[in-house]
C-alpha atoms as a PDB file:
ATOM      1  CA  UNK A   1       0.000   0.000   0.000  1.00  0.00           C
ATOM      2  CA  UNK A   2       1.223   3.480  -0.844  1.00  0.00           C
ATOM      3  CA  UNK A   3       0.042   6.554   1.021  1.00  0.00           C
ATOM      4  CA  UNK A   4       0.352  10.133  -0.133  1.00  0.00           C
ATOM      5  CA  UNK A   5      -0.856  13.352   1.416  1.00  0.00           C
ATOM      6  CA  UNK A   6      -1.466  16.199  -1.007  1.00  0.00           C
ATOM      7  CA  UNK A   7      -1.919  19.787   0.124  1.00  0.00           C
ATOM      8  CA  UNK A   8      -3.040  22.941  -1.605  1.00  0.00           C
ATOM      9  CA  UNK A   9       0.543  24.219  -1.734  1.00  0.00           C
ATOM     10  CA  UNK A  10       2.562  21.054  -2.187  1.00  0.00           C
ATOM     11  CA  UNK A  11       2.595  18.938  -5.370  1.00  0.00           C
ATOM     12  CA  UNK A  12       1.807  15.226  -5.015  1.00  0.00           C
ATOM     13  CA  UNK A  13       4.715  13.131  -3.805  1.00  0.00           C
ATOM     14  CA  UNK A  14       3.206   9.829  -4.859  1.00  0.00           C
ATOM     15  CA  UNK A  15       4.932   8.144  -7.791  1.00  0.00           C
ATOM     16  CA  UNK A  16       2.330   7.003 -10.316  1.00  0.00           C
ATOM     17  CA  UNK A  17       3.863   4.540 -12.775  1.00  0.00           C
ATOM     18  CA  UNK A  18       1.734   3.222 -15.621  1.00  0.00           C
ATOM     19  CA  UNK A  19      -0.782   0.625 -14.474  1.00  0.00           C
ATOM     20  CA  UNK A  20      -2.983  -1.692 -16.526  1.00  0.00           C
ATOM     21  CA  UNK A  21      -6.029   0.114 -15.165  1.00  0.00           C
ATOM     22  CA  UNK A  22      -7.109   2.321 -12.324  1.00  0.00           C
ATOM     23  CA  UNK A  23     -10.249   2.432 -10.190  1.00  0.00           C
ATOM     24  CA  UNK A  24     -10.644   5.480  -7.960  1.00  0.00           C
ATOM     25  CA  UNK A  25     -12.983   5.540  -4.979  1.00  0.00           C
ATOM     26  CA  UNK A  26     -13.867   8.332  -2.593  1.00  0.00           C
ATOM     27  CA  UNK A  27     -14.576   7.664   1.058  1.00  0.00           C
ATOM     28  CA  UNK A  28     -15.451   9.801   4.063  1.00  0.00           C
ATOM     29  CA  UNK A  29     -15.142   7.012   6.630  1.00  0.00           C
ATOM     30  CA  UNK A  30     -18.903   6.443   6.863  1.00  0.00           C
ATOM     31  CA  UNK A  31     -20.560   3.054   6.439  1.00  0.00           C
ATOM     32  CA  UNK A  32     -21.820   3.971   2.936  1.00  0.00           C
ATOM     33  CA  UNK A  33     -18.329   5.213   2.060  1.00  0.00           C
ATOM     34  CA  UNK A  34     -16.827   1.957   3.293  1.00  0.00           C
ATOM     35  CA  UNK A  35     -19.243  -0.054   1.152  1.00  0.00           C
ATOM     36  CA  UNK A  36     -18.170   2.017  -1.840  1.00  0.00           C
ATOM     37  CA  UNK A  37     -14.539   1.139  -1.088  1.00  0.00           C
ATOM     38  CA  UNK A  38     -15.363  -2.571  -0.931  1.00  0.00           C
ATOM     39  CA  UNK A  39     -17.284  -2.411  -4.211  1.00  0.00           C
ATOM     40  CA  UNK A  40     -14.424  -0.483  -5.832  1.00  0.00           C
ATOM     41  CA  UNK A  41     -11.904  -3.049  -4.574  1.00  0.00           C
ATOM     42  CA  UNK A  42     -13.963  -5.888  -6.049  1.00  0.00           C
ATOM     43  CA  UNK A  43     -14.298  -3.998  -9.348  1.00  0.00           C
ATOM     44  CA  UNK A  44     -10.551  -3.348  -9.476  1.00  0.00           C
ATOM     45  CA  UNK A  45      -9.752  -6.987  -8.729  1.00  0.00           C
ATOM     46  CA  UNK A  46     -12.065  -8.213 -11.500  1.00  0.00           C
ATOM     47  CA  UNK A  47     -10.589  -5.726 -13.980  1.00  0.00           C
ATOM     48  CA  UNK A  48      -6.957  -6.407 -13.072  1.00  0.00           C
ATOM     49  CA  UNK A  49      -6.662  -2.736 -12.122  1.00  0.00           C
ATOM     50  CA  UNK A  50      -5.093  -0.799  -9.288  1.00  0.00           C
ATOM     51  CA  UNK A  51      -7.237   0.830  -6.610  1.00  0.00           C
ATOM     52  CA  UNK A  52      -6.789   4.418  -5.444  1.00  0.00           C
ATOM     53  CA  UNK A  53      -8.666   5.349  -2.259  1.00  0.00           C
ATOM     54  CA  UNK A  54      -9.155   9.091  -1.862  1.00  0.00           C
ATOM     55  CA  UNK A  55     -10.305  11.294   0.997  1.00  0.00           C
ATOM     56  CA  UNK A  56     -10.528  15.079   0.926  1.00  0.00           C
ATOM     57  CA  UNK A  57      -9.818  17.354   3.865  1.00  0.00           C
ATOM     58  CA  UNK A  58     -10.589  21.041   3.765  1.00  0.00           C
ATOM     59  CA  UNK A  59      -8.296  23.821   4.899  1.00  0.00           C
ATOM     60  CA  UNK A  60      -9.552  25.907   7.833  1.00  0.00           C
ATOM     61  CA  UNK A  61     -11.843  28.743   6.770  1.00  0.00           C
ATOM     62  CA  UNK A  62     -12.949  30.180  10.128  1.00  0.00           C
ATOM     63  CA  UNK A  63     -10.399  32.982   9.915  1.00  0.00           C
ATOM     64  CA  UNK A  64      -8.545  34.668   7.045  1.00  0.00           C
ATOM     65  CA  UNK A  65      -5.420  32.519   6.531  1.00  0.00           C
ATOM     66  CA  UNK A  66      -2.012  34.089   6.566  1.00  0.00           C
ATOM     67  CA  UNK A  67       0.304  33.416   3.656  1.00  0.00           C
ATOM     68  CA  UNK A  68       1.493  29.815   3.692  1.00  0.00           C
ATOM     69  CA  UNK A  69      -1.022  28.725   6.342  1.00  0.00           C
ATOM     70  CA  UNK A  70      -3.572  27.096   4.031  1.00  0.00           C
ATOM     71  CA  UNK A  71      -2.537  23.609   5.120  1.00  0.00           C
ATOM     72  CA  UNK A  72      -5.046  21.835   7.362  1.00  0.00           C
ATOM     73  CA  UNK A  73      -4.013  21.390  10.953  1.00  0.00           C
ATOM     74  CA  UNK A  74      -2.258  18.258  12.139  1.00  0.00           C
ATOM     75  CA  UNK A  75      -5.373  16.769  13.828  1.00  0.00           C
ATOM     76  CA  UNK A  76      -7.308  17.049  10.548  1.00  0.00           C
ATOM     77  CA  UNK A  77      -4.446  15.547   8.552  1.00  0.00           C
ATOM     78  CA  UNK A  78      -4.033  12.695  11.023  1.00  0.00           C
ATOM     79  CA  UNK A  79      -7.772  11.940  10.990  1.00  0.00           C
ATOM     80  CA  UNK A  80      -7.797  11.925   7.180  1.00  0.00           C
ATOM     81  CA  UNK A  81      -4.790   9.606   7.076  1.00  0.00           C
ATOM     82  CA  UNK A  82      -6.533   7.192   9.448  1.00  0.00           C
ATOM     83  CA  UNK A  83      -9.599   7.105   7.196  1.00  0.00           C
ATOM     84  CA  UNK A  84      -7.703   6.149   4.038  1.00  0.00           C
ATOM     85  CA  UNK A  85      -5.372   3.757   5.867  1.00  0.00           C
ATOM     86  CA  UNK A  86      -8.320   1.907   7.445  1.00  0.00           C
ATOM     87  CA  UNK A  87     -10.034   1.710   4.066  1.00  0.00           C
ATOM     88  CA  UNK A  88      -6.856   0.404   2.449  1.00  0.00           C
ATOM     89  CA  UNK A  89      -6.408  -2.270   5.109  1.00  0.00           C
ATOM     90  CA  UNK A  90     -10.010  -3.403   4.632  1.00  0.00           C
ATOM     91  CA  UNK A  91      -9.560  -3.607   0.851  1.00  0.00           C
ATOM     92  CA  UNK A  92      -6.296  -5.537   1.170  1.00  0.00           C
ATOM     93  CA  UNK A  93      -7.824  -7.914   3.714  1.00  0.00           C
ATOM     94  CA  UNK A  94     -10.275  -9.088   1.040  1.00  0.00           C
ATOM     95  CA  UNK A  95      -7.922  -8.696  -1.941  1.00  0.00           C
ATOM     96  CA  UNK A  96      -4.330  -9.216  -0.708  1.00  0.00           C
ATOM     97  CA  UNK A  97      -2.783  -9.001  -4.201  1.00  0.00           C
ATOM     98  CA  UNK A  98      -4.571  -5.785  -5.172  1.00  0.00           C
ATOM     99  CA  UNK A  99      -2.315  -2.747  -5.796  1.00  0.00           C
ATOM    100  CA  UNK A 100      -3.739  -0.086  -3.462  1.00  0.00           C
ATOM    101  CA  UNK A 101      -2.887   3.596  -3.137  1.00  0.00           C
ATOM    102  CA  UNK A 102      -4.220   5.686  -0.248  1.00  0.00           C
ATOM    103  CA  UNK A 103      -4.386   9.396  -0.956  1.00  0.00           C
ATOM    104  CA  UNK A 104      -5.465  12.466   0.997  1.00  0.00           C
ATOM    105  CA  UNK A 105      -6.183  15.659  -0.913  1.00  0.00           C
ATOM    106  CA  UNK A 106      -6.880  19.171   0.291  1.00  0.00           C
ATOM    107  CA  UNK A 107      -9.939  20.891  -1.099  1.00  0.00           C
ATOM    108  CA  UNK A 108     -13.543  20.178  -1.925  1.00  0.00           C
ATOM    109  CA  UNK A 109     -14.241  16.435  -2.187  1.00  0.00           C
ATOM    110  CA  UNK A 110     -15.505  16.659  -5.762  1.00  0.00           C
ATOM    111  CA  UNK A 111     -12.468  18.590  -6.955  1.00  0.00           C
ATOM    112  CA  UNK A 112     -10.066  16.204  -5.210  1.00  0.00           C
ATOM    113  CA  UNK A 113     -11.765  13.149  -6.706  1.00  0.00           C
ATOM    114  CA  UNK A 114     -11.787  14.659 -10.186  1.00  0.00           C
ATOM    115  CA  UNK A 115      -8.063  15.283  -9.993  1.00  0.00           C
ATOM    116  CA  UNK A 116      -7.404  11.756  -8.752  1.00  0.00           C
ATOM    117  CA  UNK A 117      -9.554  10.215 -11.494  1.00  0.00           C
ATOM    118  CA  UNK A 118      -7.964  11.809 -14.550  1.00  0.00           C
ATOM    119  CA  UNK A 119      -6.292   8.498 -15.577  1.00  0.00           C
ATOM    120  CA  UNK A 120      -8.968   6.225 -14.175  1.00  0.00           C
ATOM    121  CA  UNK A 121     -11.197   3.793 -16.036  1.00  0.00           C
ATOM    122  CA  UNK A 122     -13.817   3.919 -13.272  1.00  0.00           C
ATOM    123  CA  UNK A 123     -14.638   6.166 -10.343  1.00  0.00           C
ATOM    124  CA  UNK A 124     -16.774   4.849  -7.479  1.00  0.00           C
ATOM    125  CA  UNK A 125     -18.712   6.876  -4.924  1.00  0.00           C
ATOM    126  CA  UNK A 126     -21.543   6.276  -2.517  1.00  0.00           C
ATOM    127  CA  UNK A 127     -24.954   7.864  -2.930  1.00  0.00           C
ATOM    128  CA  UNK A 128     -24.897   8.718   0.760  1.00  0.00           C
ATOM    129  CA  UNK A 129     -22.269   9.863   3.200  1.00  0.00           C
ATOM    130  CA  UNK A 130     -21.860  11.073   6.760  1.00  0.00           C
ATOM    131  CA  UNK A 131     -24.212  13.542   8.361  1.00  0.00           C
ATOM    132  CA  UNK A 132     -27.770  13.811   9.568  1.00  0.00           C
ATOM    133  CA  UNK A 133     -29.145  14.759   6.159  1.00  0.00           C
ATOM    134  CA  UNK A 134     -29.354  12.215   3.356  1.00  0.00           C
ATOM    135  CA  UNK A 135     -27.703  14.363   0.695  1.00  0.00           C
ATOM    136  CA  UNK A 136     -24.659  15.585   2.613  1.00  0.00           C
ATOM    137  CA  UNK A 137     -21.058  14.862   1.681  1.00  0.00           C
ATOM    138  CA  UNK A 138     -20.778  11.825  -0.592  1.00  0.00           C
ATOM    139  CA  UNK A 139     -24.353  12.208  -1.804  1.00  0.00           C
ATOM    140  CA  UNK A 140     -23.782  15.758  -3.006  1.00  0.00           C
ATOM    141  CA  UNK A 141     -20.366  14.719  -4.346  1.00  0.00           C
ATOM    142  CA  UNK A 142     -22.017  12.071  -6.531  1.00  0.00           C
ATOM    143  CA  UNK A 143     -24.189  14.713  -8.182  1.00  0.00           C
ATOM    144  CA  UNK A 144     -21.246  17.099  -8.580  1.00  0.00           C
ATOM    145  CA  UNK A 145     -19.100  14.403 -10.190  1.00  0.00           C
ATOM    146  CA  UNK A 146     -21.846  13.198 -12.510  1.00  0.00           C
ATOM    147  CA  UNK A 147     -21.703  16.541 -14.331  1.00  0.00           C
ATOM    148  CA  UNK A 148     -17.914  16.409 -14.711  1.00  0.00           C
ATOM    149  CA  UNK A 149     -16.560  12.873 -14.488  1.00  0.00           C
ATOM    150  CA  UNK A 150     -13.981  12.054 -17.202  1.00  0.00           C
ATOM    151  CA  UNK A 151     -14.775   8.321 -17.026  1.00  0.00           C
ATOM    152  CA  UNK A 152     -17.716   6.089 -16.104  1.00  0.00           C
ATOM    153  CA  UNK A 153     -18.802   6.604 -12.500  1.00  0.00           C
ATOM    154  CA  UNK A 154     -20.406   3.917 -10.366  1.00  0.00           C
ATOM    155  CA  UNK A 155     -22.767   5.206  -7.672  1.00  0.00           C
ATOM    156  CA  UNK A 156     -23.190   2.587  -4.947  1.00  0.00           C
ATOM    157  CA  UNK A 157     -26.687   2.824  -3.521  1.00  0.00           C
ATOM    158  CA  UNK A 158     -27.481   1.160  -0.191  1.00  0.00           C
ATOM    159  CA  UNK A 159     -26.169  -2.361   0.310  1.00  0.00           C
ATOM    160  CA  UNK A 160     -27.180  -3.599  -3.141  1.00  0.00           C
ATOM    161  CA  UNK A 161     -24.315  -5.212  -4.997  1.00  0.00           C
ATOM    162  CA  UNK A 162     -21.884  -5.016  -2.085  1.00  0.00           C
ATOM    163  CA  UNK A 163     -19.216  -7.731  -1.855  1.00  0.00           C
ATOM    164  CA  UNK A 164     -19.606 -10.619   0.544  1.00  0.00           C
ATOM    165  CA  UNK A 165     -17.277 -11.169   3.474  1.00  0.00           C
ATOM    166  CA  UNK A 166     -14.830 -13.136   1.312  1.00  0.00           C
ATOM    167  CA  UNK A 167     -14.594 -10.275  -1.184  1.00  0.00           C
ATOM    168  CA  UNK A 168     -16.546 -11.952  -3.985  1.00  0.00           C
ATOM    169  CA  UNK A 169     -19.005  -9.638  -5.703  1.00  0.00           C
ATOM    170  CA  UNK A 170     -22.429 -11.172  -6.219  1.00  0.00           C
ATOM    171  CA  UNK A 171     -24.879  -8.781  -7.813  1.00  0.00           C
ATOM    172  CA  UNK A 172     -28.427  -8.560  -6.511  1.00  0.00           C
ATOM    173  CA  UNK A 173     -30.780  -8.520  -9.451  1.00  0.00           C
ATOM    174  CA  UNK A 174     -31.404 -10.308 -12.721  1.00  0.00           C
ATOM    175  CA  UNK A 175     -30.705  -7.691 -15.415  1.00  0.00           C
ATOM    176  CA  UNK A 176     -28.905  -4.513 -16.436  1.00  0.00           C
ATOM    177  CA  UNK A 177     -31.266  -1.615 -17.110  1.00  0.00           C
ATOM    178  CA  UNK A 178     -30.275   1.152 -19.518  1.00  0.00           C
ATOM    179  CA  UNK A 179     -32.137   4.332 -20.323  1.00  0.00           C
ATOM    180  CA  UNK A 180     -31.905   5.267 -24.007  1.00  0.00           C
ATOM    181  CA  UNK A 181     -33.119   8.585 -25.369  1.00  0.00           C
ATOM    182  CA  UNK A 182     -31.785   8.364 -28.914  1.00  0.00           C
ATOM    183  CA  UNK A 183     -28.835   7.403 -31.139  1.00  0.00           C
ATOM    184  CA  UNK A 184     -26.530   9.762 -29.249  1.00  0.00           C
ATOM    185  CA  UNK A 185     -26.854   7.331 -26.312  1.00  0.00           C
ATOM    186  CA  UNK A 186     -24.802   4.659 -28.094  1.00  0.00           C
ATOM    187  CA  UNK A 187     -21.937   4.963 -25.521  1.00  0.00           C
ATOM    188  CA  UNK A 188     -24.476   4.390 -22.749  1.00  0.00           C
ATOM    189  CA  UNK A 189     -25.851   1.306 -24.496  1.00  0.00           C
ATOM    190  CA  UNK A 190     -22.344  -0.047 -25.141  1.00  0.00           C
ATOM    191  CA  UNK A 191     -21.491   0.332 -21.466  1.00  0.00           C
ATOM    192  CA  UNK A 192     -24.697  -1.464 -20.466  1.00  0.00           C
ATOM    193  CA  UNK A 193     -24.067  -4.367 -22.849  1.00  0.00           C
ATOM    194  CA  UNK A 194     -20.443  -4.539 -21.657  1.00  0.00           C
ATOM    195  CA  UNK A 195     -21.519  -4.781 -18.025  1.00  0.00           C
ATOM    196  CA  UNK A 196     -24.184  -7.338 -18.906  1.00  0.00           C
ATOM    197  CA  UNK A 197     -21.620  -9.508 -20.698  1.00  0.00           C
ATOM    198  CA  UNK A 198     -19.218  -9.189 -17.766  1.00  0.00           C
ATOM    199  CA  UNK A 199     -21.839 -10.391 -15.299  1.00  0.00           C
ATOM    200  CA  UNK A 200     -23.707 -12.816 -17.551  1.00  0.00           C
ATOM    201  CA  UNK A 201     -26.955 -10.862 -17.357  1.00  0.00           C
ATOM    202  CA  UNK A 202     -29.514  -9.706 -19.931  1.00  0.00           C
ATOM    203  CA  UNK A 203     -30.083  -6.059 -20.855  1.00  0.00           C
ATOM    204  CA  UNK A 204     -33.406  -4.291 -20.562  1.00  0.00           C
ATOM    205  CA  UNK A 205     -33.425  -1.025 -22.551  1.00  0.00           C
ATOM    206  CA  UNK A 206     -36.158   1.506 -21.830  1.00  0.00           C
ATOM    207  CA  UNK A 207     -37.155   4.588 -23.804  1.00  0.00           C
ATOM    208  CA  UNK A 208     -39.917   6.918 -22.635  1.00  0.00           C
ATOM    209  CA  UNK A 209     -41.527   9.702 -24.620  1.00  0.00           C
ATOM    210  CA  UNK A 210     -44.102  12.452 -24.173  1.00  0.00           C
ATOM    211  CA  UNK A 211     -47.315  12.481 -26.143  1.00  0.00           C
ATOM    212  CA  UNK A 212     -47.126  15.452 -28.578  1.00  0.00           C
ATOM    213  CA  UNK A 213     -50.555  16.782 -27.662  1.00  0.00           C
ATOM    214  CA  UNK A 214     -52.014  20.079 -26.499  1.00  0.00           C
ATOM    215  CA  UNK A 215     -53.736  20.962 -23.222  1.00  0.00           C
ATOM    216  CA  UNK A 216     -57.032  21.754 -24.931  1.00  0.00           C
ATOM    217  CA  UNK A 217     -57.248  18.359 -26.647  1.00  0.00           C
ATOM    218  CA  UNK A 218     -58.205  14.982 -25.298  1.00  0.00           C
ATOM    219  CA  UNK A 219     -55.554  12.310 -24.908  1.00  0.00           C
ATOM    220  CA  UNK A 220     -54.466  10.198 -27.856  1.00  0.00           C
ATOM    221  CA  UNK A 221     -56.722   7.560 -29.307  1.00  0.00           C
ATOM    222  CA  UNK A 222     -55.539   3.983 -29.257  1.00  0.00           C
ATOM    223  CA  UNK A 223     -54.668   4.028 -32.948  1.00  0.00           C
ATOM    224  CA  UNK A 224     -52.694   7.261 -32.659  1.00  0.00           C
ATOM    225  CA  UNK A 225     -50.855   5.998 -29.587  1.00  0.00           C
ATOM    226  CA  UNK A 226     -49.963   2.758 -31.352  1.00  0.00           C
ATOM    227  CA  UNK A 227     -48.520   4.654 -34.329  1.00  0.00           C
ATOM    228  CA  UNK A 228     -46.405   6.978 -32.189  1.00  0.00           C
ATOM    229  CA  UNK A 229     -45.218   4.119 -29.962  1.00  0.00           C
ATOM    230  CA  UNK A 230     -44.201   2.118 -33.025  1.00  0.00           C
ATOM    231  CA  UNK A 231     -42.205   5.083 -34.326  1.00  0.00           C
ATOM    232  CA  UNK A 232     -40.362   5.415 -31.024  1.00  0.00           C
ATOM    233  CA  UNK A 233     -39.710   1.666 -30.991  1.00  0.00           C
ATOM    234  CA  UNK A 234     -38.042   2.016 -34.378  1.00  0.00           C
ATOM    235  CA  UNK A 235     -35.845   4.798 -32.972  1.00  0.00           C
ATOM    236  CA  UNK A 236     -34.911   2.581 -30.038  1.00  0.00           C
ATOM    237  CA  UNK A 237     -34.090  -0.281 -32.398  1.00  0.00           C
ATOM    238  CA  UNK A 238     -31.858   2.050 -34.386  1.00  0.00           C
ATOM    239  CA  UNK A 239     -30.058   3.265 -31.282  1.00  0.00           C
ATOM    240  CA  UNK A 240     -29.361  -0.318 -30.154  1.00  0.00           C
ATOM    241  CA  UNK A 241     -28.682  -1.905 -33.538  1.00  0.00           C
ATOM    242  CA  UNK A 242     -24.898  -1.658 -33.799  1.00  0.00           C
ATOM    243  CA  UNK A 243     -24.465  -2.323 -30.082  1.00  0.00           C
ATOM    244  CA  UNK A 244     -26.454  -5.543 -30.367  1.00  0.00           C
ATOM    245  CA  UNK A 245     -24.446  -6.616 -33.412  1.00  0.00           C
ATOM    246  CA  UNK A 246     -21.209  -6.124 -31.457  1.00  0.00           C
ATOM    247  CA  UNK A 247     -22.511  -8.204 -28.529  1.00  0.00           C
ATOM    248  CA  UNK A 248     -24.605 -11.004 -30.051  1.00  0.00           C
ATOM    249  CA  UNK A 249     -24.123 -13.149 -26.954  1.00  0.00           C
ATOM    250  CA  UNK A 250     -25.971 -10.683 -24.719  1.00  0.00           C
ATOM    251  CA  UNK A 251     -29.698 -11.269 -24.432  1.00  0.00           C
ATOM    252  CA  UNK A 252     -31.686  -8.049 -24.568  1.00  0.00           C
ATOM    253  CA  UNK A 253     -35.238  -6.775 -24.415  1.00  0.00           C
ATOM    254  CA  UNK A 254     -36.634  -3.285 -24.883  1.00  0.00           C
ATOM    255  CA  UNK A 255     -39.673  -1.132 -24.290  1.00  0.00           C
ATOM    256  CA  UNK A 256     -40.770   2.257 -25.633  1.00  0.00           C
ATOM    257  CA  UNK A 257     -43.510   3.750 -23.492  1.00  0.00           C
ATOM    258  CA  UNK A 258     -45.405   7.062 -23.303  1.00  0.00           C
ATOM    259  CA  UNK A 259     -44.363   8.118 -19.804  1.00  0.00           C
ATOM    260  CA  UNK A 260     -41.968  10.254 -17.802  1.00  0.00           C
ATOM    261  CA  UNK A 261     -38.430   9.139 -18.623  1.00  0.00           C
ATOM    262  CA  UNK A 262     -37.043   9.354 -15.088  1.00  0.00           C
ATOM    263  CA  UNK A 263     -39.980   7.514 -13.513  1.00  0.00           C
ATOM    264  CA  UNK A 264     -39.748   4.819 -16.194  1.00  0.00           C
ATOM    265  CA  UNK A 265     -36.070   4.181 -15.537  1.00  0.00           C
ATOM    266  CA  UNK A 266     -36.523   4.191 -11.753  1.00  0.00           C
ATOM    267  CA  UNK A 267     -39.408   1.716 -11.976  1.00  0.00           C
ATOM    268  CA  UNK A 268     -37.310  -0.543 -14.214  1.00  0.00           C
ATOM    269  CA  UNK A 269     -34.536  -0.691 -11.606  1.00  0.00           C
ATOM    270  CA  UNK A 270     -36.730  -2.725  -9.263  1.00  0.00           C
ATOM    271  CA  UNK A 271     -35.027  -6.126  -9.210  1.00  0.00           C
ATOM    272  CA  UNK A 272     -32.148  -4.937 -11.419  1.00  0.00           C
ATOM    273  CA  UNK A 273     -28.466  -5.516 -10.697  1.00  0.00           C
ATOM    274  CA  UNK A 274     -27.322  -2.281 -12.312  1.00  0.00           C
ATOM    275  CA  UNK A 275     -28.770   0.788 -13.991  1.00  0.00           C
ATOM    276  CA  UNK A 276     -26.826   2.613 -16.706  1.00  0.00           C
ATOM    277  CA  UNK A 277     -27.555   6.219 -17.677  1.00  0.00           C
ATOM    278  CA  UNK A 278     -25.696   8.749 -19.790  1.00  0.00           C
ATOM    279  CA  UNK A 279     -24.803  12.342 -19.031  1.00  0.00           C
ATOM    280  CA  UNK A 280     -23.671  15.057 -21.393  1.00  0.00           C
ATOM    281  CA  UNK A 281     -21.231  17.570 -19.933  1.00  0.00           C
ATOM    282  CA  UNK A 282     -22.186  21.199 -20.391  1.00  0.00           C
ATOM    283  CA  UNK A 283     -20.480  24.550 -19.999  1.00  0.00           C
ATOM    284  CA  UNK A 284     -21.511  27.904 -18.629  1.00  0.00           C
ATOM    285  CA  UNK A 285     -24.581  28.197 -16.438  1.00  0.00           C
ATOM    286  CA  UNK A 286     -25.597  24.596 -17.183  1.00  0.00           C
ATOM    287  CA  UNK A 287     -22.283  23.053 -16.139  1.00  0.00           C
ATOM    288  CA  UNK A 288     -23.848  21.743 -12.887  1.00  0.00           C
ATOM    289  CA  UNK A 289     -26.832  20.168 -14.659  1.00  0.00           C
ATOM    290  CA  UNK A 290     -26.887  16.404 -15.158  1.00  0.00           C
ATOM    291  CA  UNK A 291     -30.360  15.980 -16.589  1.00  0.00           C
ATOM    292  CA  UNK A 292     -33.632  14.784 -15.143  1.00  0.00           C
ATOM    293  CA  UNK A 293     -33.057  11.053 -15.634  1.00  0.00           C
ATOM    294  CA  UNK A 294     -29.485  10.942 -14.334  1.00  0.00           C
ATOM    295  CA  UNK A 295     -30.334  13.044 -11.289  1.00  0.00           C
ATOM    296  CA  UNK A 296     -33.330  10.843 -10.486  1.00  0.00           C
ATOM    297  CA  UNK A 297     -31.279   7.655 -10.930  1.00  0.00           C
ATOM    298  CA  UNK A 298     -28.561   8.847  -8.551  1.00  0.00           C
ATOM    299  CA  UNK A 299     -31.185   9.789  -5.966  1.00  0.00           C
ATOM    300  CA  UNK A 300     -33.811   7.072  -6.304  1.00  0.00           C
ATOM    301  CA  UNK A 301     -32.669   3.991  -8.249  1.00  0.00           C
ATOM    302  CA  UNK A 302     -33.182   0.654  -6.498  1.00  0.00           C
ATOM    303  CA  UNK A 303     -29.705  -0.585  -7.488  1.00  0.00           C
ATOM    304  CA  UNK A 304     -26.206   0.768  -8.165  1.00  0.00           C
ATOM    305  CA  UNK A 305     -26.025   3.259 -11.035  1.00  0.00           C
ATOM    306  CA  UNK A 306     -23.314   3.544 -13.685  1.00  0.00           C
ATOM    307  CA  UNK A 307     -23.136   7.093 -15.070  1.00  0.00           C
ATOM    308  CA  UNK A 308     -21.504   7.221 -18.519  1.00  0.00           C
ATOM    309  CA  UNK A 309     -20.203  10.563 -19.870  1.00  0.00           C
ATOM    310  CA  UNK A 310     -21.352  11.248 -23.426  1.00  0.00           C
ATOM    311  CA  UNK A 311     -19.308  13.117 -26.055  1.00  0.00           C
END
């Protein structure tokens, strides 16, 4: 295990030689954070990748700092070091051969994790962290990262999909659910089919659409609804076509339904092992926005969620 402490004023001292892969996980020492570490360790072991465990500590802000005093105090640094060292020991206990790095960064948790994940193939966070409110710390970090992550991000929700005591990862659920809006979601579909192949599970692709009506008119007739649904089914077929051809061994089913997209995806995650959603990064005032479906999945899915950045 290698440990490095990074500060706002000091460059990293950790040597980072090329590795066959890298999984980065953030932890705050909470039970949900610890489950994220265990899931990340199992993912890294299955991928033949290294594991980097990251914790962020903030510099004091109660008083204007003098020049050169932005470093956190020794008690804060020691507490942060204990968090990542305990997480590393737990990961190594289940995966003794796993290359593990323990890293403490200074700054906001989301910024520290983004920096640590620049070379990663996967970043793992928990949907919940420490604190009396459900969306504090790691929960808010998950939403922050979803809008910026440079690689796929796995959000570990609850205890679903957590490794057993011997470190083996047995997924709860019988399928991989993927939300598909259109052909631009091909990277999302590829990630879903890749995960399904890795776990030997089928894919269930869902596409929801709004009825193009007007408030003053009655709802669609059955014939009209059938025509529009068929058209959306064709679009879904088109979006999945090349992905299916590249993974003929993966069983898949699909549904195009006139409904709210977020509610449709959340409902489909009941009994699923994994949900996969895409997010398009934006600039300017919308840079914090991750979209209705992705936000709902991070907050309410009944299984872990893989967030895939779209070009």
